[in-house]
Every structure is written in structure tokens, then in C-alpha cells.
Amino acid sequence: MNNLSGTANRPALNIILVEDDDGDAKALRRAFQRAKIANPVVRFVDGVEALAFLRGEMQQMPPPNFVVLSDINMPRKNGIELLREIRADPVLHKILFIVLTTSEDERDISAAYANNVAGYILKSKAGDMFVDLMATFDTYWRIVELPDIHIRKVSDDSSQHPDH
């Protein structure tokens, strides 16, 4: 199986999935399986959880190599709000962030690209080609160089983000 790593000495790329819909999350995992992509996937149901994880505020730490795939329409903190906070964060701002959503709203599309999203993909347009899309991601991630994101565990008495 593929593992989205370009060479044997390159670590597997982890996928941070931010998706509140269980059906969509299962469909995405099935598409990865059909495309024979075996990369680790960590799922969060909204931007609040994802941001806490990315900032090292949870028990589990973010992996050293990852990409964020995020829906937009979610409770508590939607995908655009999450993206804006990531871009404003001096530690996280270089994260590769791809939107995978049902929203065709031009305001969402514009806001995503204004915040340097790597891609805006409509779930409805991916449709039957979703497995092909995942295989395309596999090829892309094998050849692209991603920036290092160094996230430290946040202890109870200190924070790498003192203003949050």
C-alpha cells in the first residue's frame, strides 16, 4: 500500500481530518482505502478540537509531517475560522490546508483563498472521482516539499501561544 512518502527514508504524511459529518468522514477513509493510501488519519469534528490539537494542548501531539483536510460547515468553529486562526498563528501559519466541503458559496471560496488555502474542493464535484482525487493527493504529497512545523506540548503552567 502507498503511504504518501516519496522515498523510503521520508516519513509518512499524516492527515488531519476536520469533518463533523460521520458519513463524509467514513467516505473519505473508504476512498483512501480504495486508492491504497495507508497514511495515518486523525479526525476532529470541529475547528475548536483541531486547533487545540495543532497547538499541542491535547494529550496526543501532532505528528511531525501532516496536512489538514477540512470541511467548512461545522459547529463551534468552522473551517474558515480555523484556517484564519492557523494563518494568524506564528507556529502554525505554514500548514498545508486543503478545504474539502459542500459549500459552493463564493464568500467561502474567496475567504479560503484569501487565507492561502492549498485547494478548495467541492465534495459534489469529486463524486465518483473521489478515489481518483485521493490518488492525485497521494502523487502530490509524494513529490511536494512541506515546511517543518515544530509544535511543543503545552504544559498546564505555560503556553507556546500566551495570547490564546
C-alpha atoms as a PDB file:
ATOM      1  CA  MET A   1       0.000   0.000   0.000  1.00  0.00           C
ATOM      2  CA  ASN A   2       1.032   3.596  -0.555  1.00  0.00           C
ATOM      3  CA  ASN A   3       1.898   5.776   2.374  1.00  0.00           C
ATOM      4  CA  LEU A   4       2.285   9.189   0.793  1.00  0.00           C
ATOM      5  CA  SER A   5       6.022   9.167   1.387  1.00  0.00           C
ATOM      6  CA  GLY A   6       8.153   9.924  -1.649  1.00  0.00           C
ATOM      7  CA  THR A   7      11.109   7.825  -0.600  1.00  0.00           C
ATOM      8  CA  ALA A   8      11.813   5.044   1.863  1.00  0.00           C
ATOM      9  CA  ASN A   9      13.584   7.424   4.263  1.00  0.00           C
ATOM     10  CA  ARG A  10      10.859  10.053   4.172  1.00  0.00           C
ATOM     11  CA  PRO A  11       8.280   9.712   6.970  1.00  0.00           C
ATOM     12  CA  ALA A  12       4.666   9.040   6.096  1.00  0.00           C
ATOM     13  CA  LEU A  13       2.491  12.100   5.781  1.00  0.00           C
ATOM     14  CA  ASN A  14      -0.266  12.182   8.366  1.00  0.00           C
ATOM     15  CA  ILE A  15      -3.698  13.525   7.536  1.00  0.00           C
ATOM     16  CA  ILE A  16      -5.510  15.752   9.997  1.00  0.00           C
ATOM     17  CA  LEU A  17      -9.165  15.457   9.008  1.00  0.00           C
ATOM     18  CA  VAL A  18     -11.524  18.121  10.342  1.00  0.00           C
ATOM     19  CA  GLU A  19     -15.012  16.861   9.497  1.00  0.00           C
ATOM     20  CA  ASP A  20     -18.151  16.851  11.626  1.00  0.00           C
ATOM     21  CA  ASP A  21     -20.186  14.525   9.404  1.00  0.00           C
ATOM     22  CA  ASP A  22     -19.587  10.850  10.238  1.00  0.00           C
ATOM     23  CA  GLY A  23     -20.781   9.718   6.793  1.00  0.00           C
ATOM     24  CA  ASP A  24     -18.391  12.052   4.975  1.00  0.00           C
ATOM     25  CA  ALA A  25     -15.509  11.008   7.239  1.00  0.00           C
ATOM     26  CA  LYS A  26     -16.223   7.320   6.513  1.00  0.00           C
ATOM     27  CA  ALA A  27     -16.457   8.032   2.771  1.00  0.00           C
ATOM     28  CA  LEU A  28     -13.087   9.769   2.863  1.00  0.00           C
ATOM     29  CA  ARG A  29     -11.479   6.852   4.709  1.00  0.00           C
ATOM     30  CA  ARG A  30     -13.005   4.396   2.203  1.00  0.00           C
ATOM     31  CA  ALA A  31     -11.633   6.473  -0.668  1.00  0.00           C
ATOM     32  CA  PHE A  32      -8.181   6.319   0.893  1.00  0.00           C
ATOM     33  CA  GLN A  33      -8.514   2.543   1.240  1.00  0.00           C
ATOM     34  CA  ARG A  34      -9.656   2.140  -2.383  1.00  0.00           C
ATOM     35  CA  ALA A  35      -6.738   4.278  -3.551  1.00  0.00           C
ATOM     36  CA  LYS A  36      -4.471   2.064  -1.396  1.00  0.00           C
ATOM     37  CA  ILE A  37      -3.362   5.006   0.723  1.00  0.00           C
ATOM     38  CA  ALA A  38      -2.470   3.825   4.210  1.00  0.00           C
ATOM     39  CA  ASN A  39      -1.421   7.085   5.828  1.00  0.00           C
ATOM     40  CA  PRO A  40      -2.489   7.728   9.399  1.00  0.00           C
ATOM     41  CA  VAL A  41      -5.653   9.836   9.691  1.00  0.00           C
ATOM     42  CA  VAL A  42      -6.515  11.762  12.850  1.00  0.00           C
ATOM     43  CA  ARG A  43     -10.064  13.142  12.854  1.00  0.00           C
ATOM     44  CA  PHE A  44     -11.594  16.067  14.696  1.00  0.00           C
ATOM     45  CA  VAL A  45     -15.249  17.093  14.496  1.00  0.00           C
ATOM     46  CA  ASP A  46     -14.727  20.860  14.558  1.00  0.00           C
ATOM     47  CA  GLY A  47     -12.164  23.610  14.432  1.00  0.00           C
ATOM     48  CA  VAL A  48     -12.012  24.023  18.227  1.00  0.00           C
ATOM     49  CA  GLU A  49     -10.759  20.444  18.688  1.00  0.00           C
ATOM     50  CA  ALA A  50      -8.430  20.630  15.689  1.00  0.00           C
ATOM     51  CA  LEU A  51      -6.852  23.902  16.815  1.00  0.00           C
ATOM     52  CA  ALA A  52      -6.288  22.611  20.359  1.00  0.00           C
ATOM     53  CA  PHE A  53      -4.588  19.533  18.895  1.00  0.00           C
ATOM     54  CA  LEU A  54      -2.450  21.551  16.472  1.00  0.00           C
ATOM     55  CA  ARG A  55      -1.347  23.859  19.279  1.00  0.00           C
ATOM     56  CA  GLY A  56      -0.204  20.944  21.446  1.00  0.00           C
ATOM     57  CA  GLU A  57      -2.948  21.448  24.022  1.00  0.00           C
ATOM     58  CA  MET A  58      -4.221  17.854  23.966  1.00  0.00           C
ATOM     59  CA  GLN A  59      -2.830  14.595  25.306  1.00  0.00           C
ATOM     60  CA  GLN A  60      -1.823  13.460  21.806  1.00  0.00           C
ATOM     61  CA  MET A  61       0.727  15.594  19.982  1.00  0.00           C
ATOM     62  CA  PRO A  62       0.544  16.484  16.286  1.00  0.00           C
ATOM     63  CA  PRO A  63       2.751  14.315  14.080  1.00  0.00           C
ATOM     64  CA  PRO A  64       5.855  15.896  12.546  1.00  0.00           C
ATOM     65  CA  ASN A  65       4.555  15.665   8.960  1.00  0.00           C
ATOM     66  CA  PHE A  66       0.941  16.401   8.193  1.00  0.00           C
ATOM     67  CA  VAL A  67      -1.621  18.092   6.009  1.00  0.00           C
ATOM     68  CA  VAL A  68      -5.023  19.402   7.094  1.00  0.00           C
ATOM     69  CA  LEU A  69      -8.146  18.421   5.144  1.00  0.00           C
ATOM     70  CA  SER A  70     -11.056  20.449   6.477  1.00  0.00           C
ATOM     71  CA  ASP A  71     -14.744  20.878   5.883  1.00  0.00           C
ATOM     72  CA  ILE A  72     -16.155  24.388   6.228  1.00  0.00           C
ATOM     73  CA  ASN A  73     -19.626  23.951   7.698  1.00  0.00           C
ATOM     74  CA  MET A  74     -19.019  22.722  11.241  1.00  0.00           C
ATOM     75  CA  PRO A  75     -20.261  23.636  14.718  1.00  0.00           C
ATOM     76  CA  ARG A  76     -18.328  25.788  17.215  1.00  0.00           C
ATOM     77  CA  LYS A  77     -15.504  26.834  14.832  1.00  0.00           C
ATOM     78  CA  ASN A  78     -15.998  26.381  11.099  1.00  0.00           C
ATOM     79  CA  GLY A  79     -13.267  25.638   8.570  1.00  0.00           C
ATOM     80  CA  ILE A  80     -12.750  29.265   7.518  1.00  0.00           C
ATOM     81  CA  GLU A  81     -12.402  30.367  11.157  1.00  0.00           C
ATOM     82  CA  LEU A  82      -9.944  27.515  11.734  1.00  0.00           C
ATOM     83  CA  LEU A  83      -7.964  28.484   8.638  1.00  0.00           C
ATOM     84  CA  ARG A  84      -7.814  32.154   9.714  1.00  0.00           C
ATOM     85  CA  GLU A  85      -6.525  31.220  13.170  1.00  0.00           C
ATOM     86  CA  ILE A  86      -3.913  28.900  11.694  1.00  0.00           C
ATOM     87  CA  ARG A  87      -2.686  31.602   9.305  1.00  0.00           C
ATOM     88  CA  ALA A  88      -2.508  34.149  12.154  1.00  0.00           C
ATOM     89  CA  ASP A  89      -0.528  31.766  14.378  1.00  0.00           C
ATOM     90  CA  PRO A  90       3.268  32.208  14.178  1.00  0.00           C
ATOM     91  CA  VAL A  91       3.871  28.489  14.809  1.00  0.00           C
ATOM     92  CA  LEU A  92       1.133  27.055  12.566  1.00  0.00           C
ATOM     93  CA  HIS A  93       0.898  29.549   9.700  1.00  0.00           C
ATOM     94  CA  LYS A  94       2.809  27.364   7.192  1.00  0.00           C
ATOM     95  CA  ILE A  95       0.485  24.343   7.477  1.00  0.00           C
ATOM     96  CA  LEU A  96      -0.735  22.887   4.168  1.00  0.00           C
ATOM     97  CA  PHE A  97      -4.509  23.328   4.416  1.00  0.00           C
ATOM     98  CA  ILE A  98      -6.991  21.927   1.885  1.00  0.00           C
ATOM     99  CA  VAL A  99     -10.725  22.567   2.026  1.00  0.00           C
ATOM    100  CA  LEU A 100     -12.990  19.632   1.185  1.00  0.00           C
ATOM    101  CA  THR A 101     -16.574  20.844   1.505  1.00  0.00           C
ATOM    102  CA  THR A 102     -20.122  21.025   0.185  1.00  0.00           C
ATOM    103  CA  SER A 103     -20.117  24.838   0.316  1.00  0.00           C
ATOM    104  CA  GLU A 104     -20.314  26.468  -3.116  1.00  0.00           C
ATOM    105  CA  ASP A 105     -20.712  29.894  -1.528  1.00  0.00           C
ATOM    106  CA  GLU A 106     -18.406  32.349  -3.308  1.00  0.00           C
ATOM    107  CA  ARG A 107     -17.706  34.065   0.027  1.00  0.00           C
ATOM    108  CA  ASP A 108     -16.306  30.793   1.429  1.00  0.00           C
ATOM    109  CA  ILE A 109     -14.213  30.185  -1.678  1.00  0.00           C
ATOM    110  CA  SER A 110     -12.838  33.740  -1.605  1.00  0.00           C
ATOM    111  CA  ALA A 111     -12.145  33.607   2.135  1.00  0.00           C
ATOM    112  CA  ALA A 112     -10.325  30.288   1.768  1.00  0.00           C
ATOM    113  CA  TYR A 113      -8.040  31.535  -0.998  1.00  0.00           C
ATOM    114  CA  ALA A 114      -7.517  34.880   0.758  1.00  0.00           C
ATOM    115  CA  ASN A 115      -6.057  32.793   3.599  1.00  0.00           C
ATOM    116  CA  ASN A 116      -3.736  30.830   1.310  1.00  0.00           C
ATOM    117  CA  VAL A 117      -5.594  27.549   1.184  1.00  0.00           C
ATOM    118  CA  ALA A 118      -3.777  24.967  -0.948  1.00  0.00           C
ATOM    119  CA  GLY A 119      -7.008  23.906  -2.639  1.00  0.00           C
ATOM    120  CA  TYR A 120     -10.772  24.225  -2.416  1.00  0.00           C
ATOM    121  CA  ILE A 121     -12.539  21.023  -3.423  1.00  0.00           C
ATOM    122  CA  LEU A 122     -16.291  20.555  -3.629  1.00  0.00           C
ATOM    123  CA  LYS A 123     -17.387  17.138  -2.415  1.00  0.00           C
ATOM    124  CA  SER A 124     -20.179  17.125  -5.002  1.00  0.00           C
ATOM    125  CA  LYS A 125     -17.759  17.671  -7.881  1.00  0.00           C
ATOM    126  CA  ALA A 126     -15.386  14.991  -6.634  1.00  0.00           C
ATOM    127  CA  GLY A 127     -18.299  12.494  -6.589  1.00  0.00           C
ATOM    128  CA  ASP A 128     -17.388   9.329  -8.470  1.00  0.00           C
ATOM    129  CA  MET A 129     -13.873  10.647  -8.997  1.00  0.00           C
ATOM    130  CA  PHE A 130     -13.206  10.817  -5.248  1.00  0.00           C
ATOM    131  CA  VAL A 131     -10.884   7.783  -5.306  1.00  0.00           C
ATOM    132  CA  ASP A 132      -9.008   9.363  -8.223  1.00  0.00           C
ATOM    133  CA  LEU A 133      -8.783  12.582  -6.221  1.00  0.00           C
ATOM    134  CA  MET A 134      -7.237  10.706  -3.296  1.00  0.00           C
ATOM    135  CA  ALA A 135      -4.748   9.048  -5.675  1.00  0.00           C
ATOM    136  CA  THR A 136      -3.888  12.513  -7.017  1.00  0.00           C
ATOM    137  CA  PHE A 137      -3.263  13.677  -3.448  1.00  0.00           C
ATOM    138  CA  ASP A 138      -1.003  10.659  -2.986  1.00  0.00           C
ATOM    139  CA  THR A 139       1.089  11.648  -6.003  1.00  0.00           C
ATOM    140  CA  TYR A 140       1.153  15.308  -4.971  1.00  0.00           C
ATOM    141  CA  TRP A 141       2.253  14.575  -1.405  1.00  0.00           C
ATOM    142  CA  ARG A 142       4.977  12.242  -2.616  1.00  0.00           C
ATOM    143  CA  ILE A 143       6.709  14.981  -4.600  1.00  0.00           C
ATOM    144  CA  VAL A 144       5.946  18.219  -2.747  1.00  0.00           C
ATOM    145  CA  GLU A 145       8.256  19.525  -0.040  1.00  0.00           C
ATOM    146  CA  LEU A 146       6.378  20.641   3.059  1.00  0.00           C
ATOM    147  CA  PRO A 147       7.665  23.063   5.687  1.00  0.00           C
ATOM    148  CA  ASP A 148       8.606  21.752   9.109  1.00  0.00           C
ATOM    149  CA  ILE A 149       6.068  22.635  11.783  1.00  0.00           C
ATOM    150  CA  HIS A 150       7.561  22.350  15.279  1.00  0.00           C
ATOM    151  CA  ILE A 151       4.814  22.065  17.869  1.00  0.00           C
ATOM    152  CA  ARG A 152       5.681  21.629  21.514  1.00  0.00           C
ATOM    153  CA  LYS A 153       3.475  20.103  24.150  1.00  0.00           C
ATOM    154  CA  VAL A 154       1.795  22.869  26.110  1.00  0.00           C
ATOM    155  CA  SER A 155       2.074  22.278  29.848  1.00  0.00           C
ATOM    156  CA  ASP A 156      -0.529  23.372  32.362  1.00  0.00           C
ATOM    157  CA  ASP A 157       1.570  26.344  33.511  1.00  0.00           C
ATOM    158  CA  SER A 158       2.943  27.593  30.198  1.00  0.00           C
ATOM    159  CA  SER A 159       1.919  28.043  26.603  1.00  0.00           C
ATOM    160  CA  GLN A 160       3.627  28.450  23.262  1.00  0.00           C
ATOM    161  CA  HIS A 161       0.666  30.701  22.450  1.00  0.00           C
ATOM    162  CA  PRO A 162       0.445  33.028  25.506  1.00  0.00           C
ATOM    163  CA  ASP A 163      -2.192  35.251  23.883  1.00  0.00           C
ATOM    164  CA  HIS A 164      -4.677  32.373  23.410  1.00  0.00           C
END
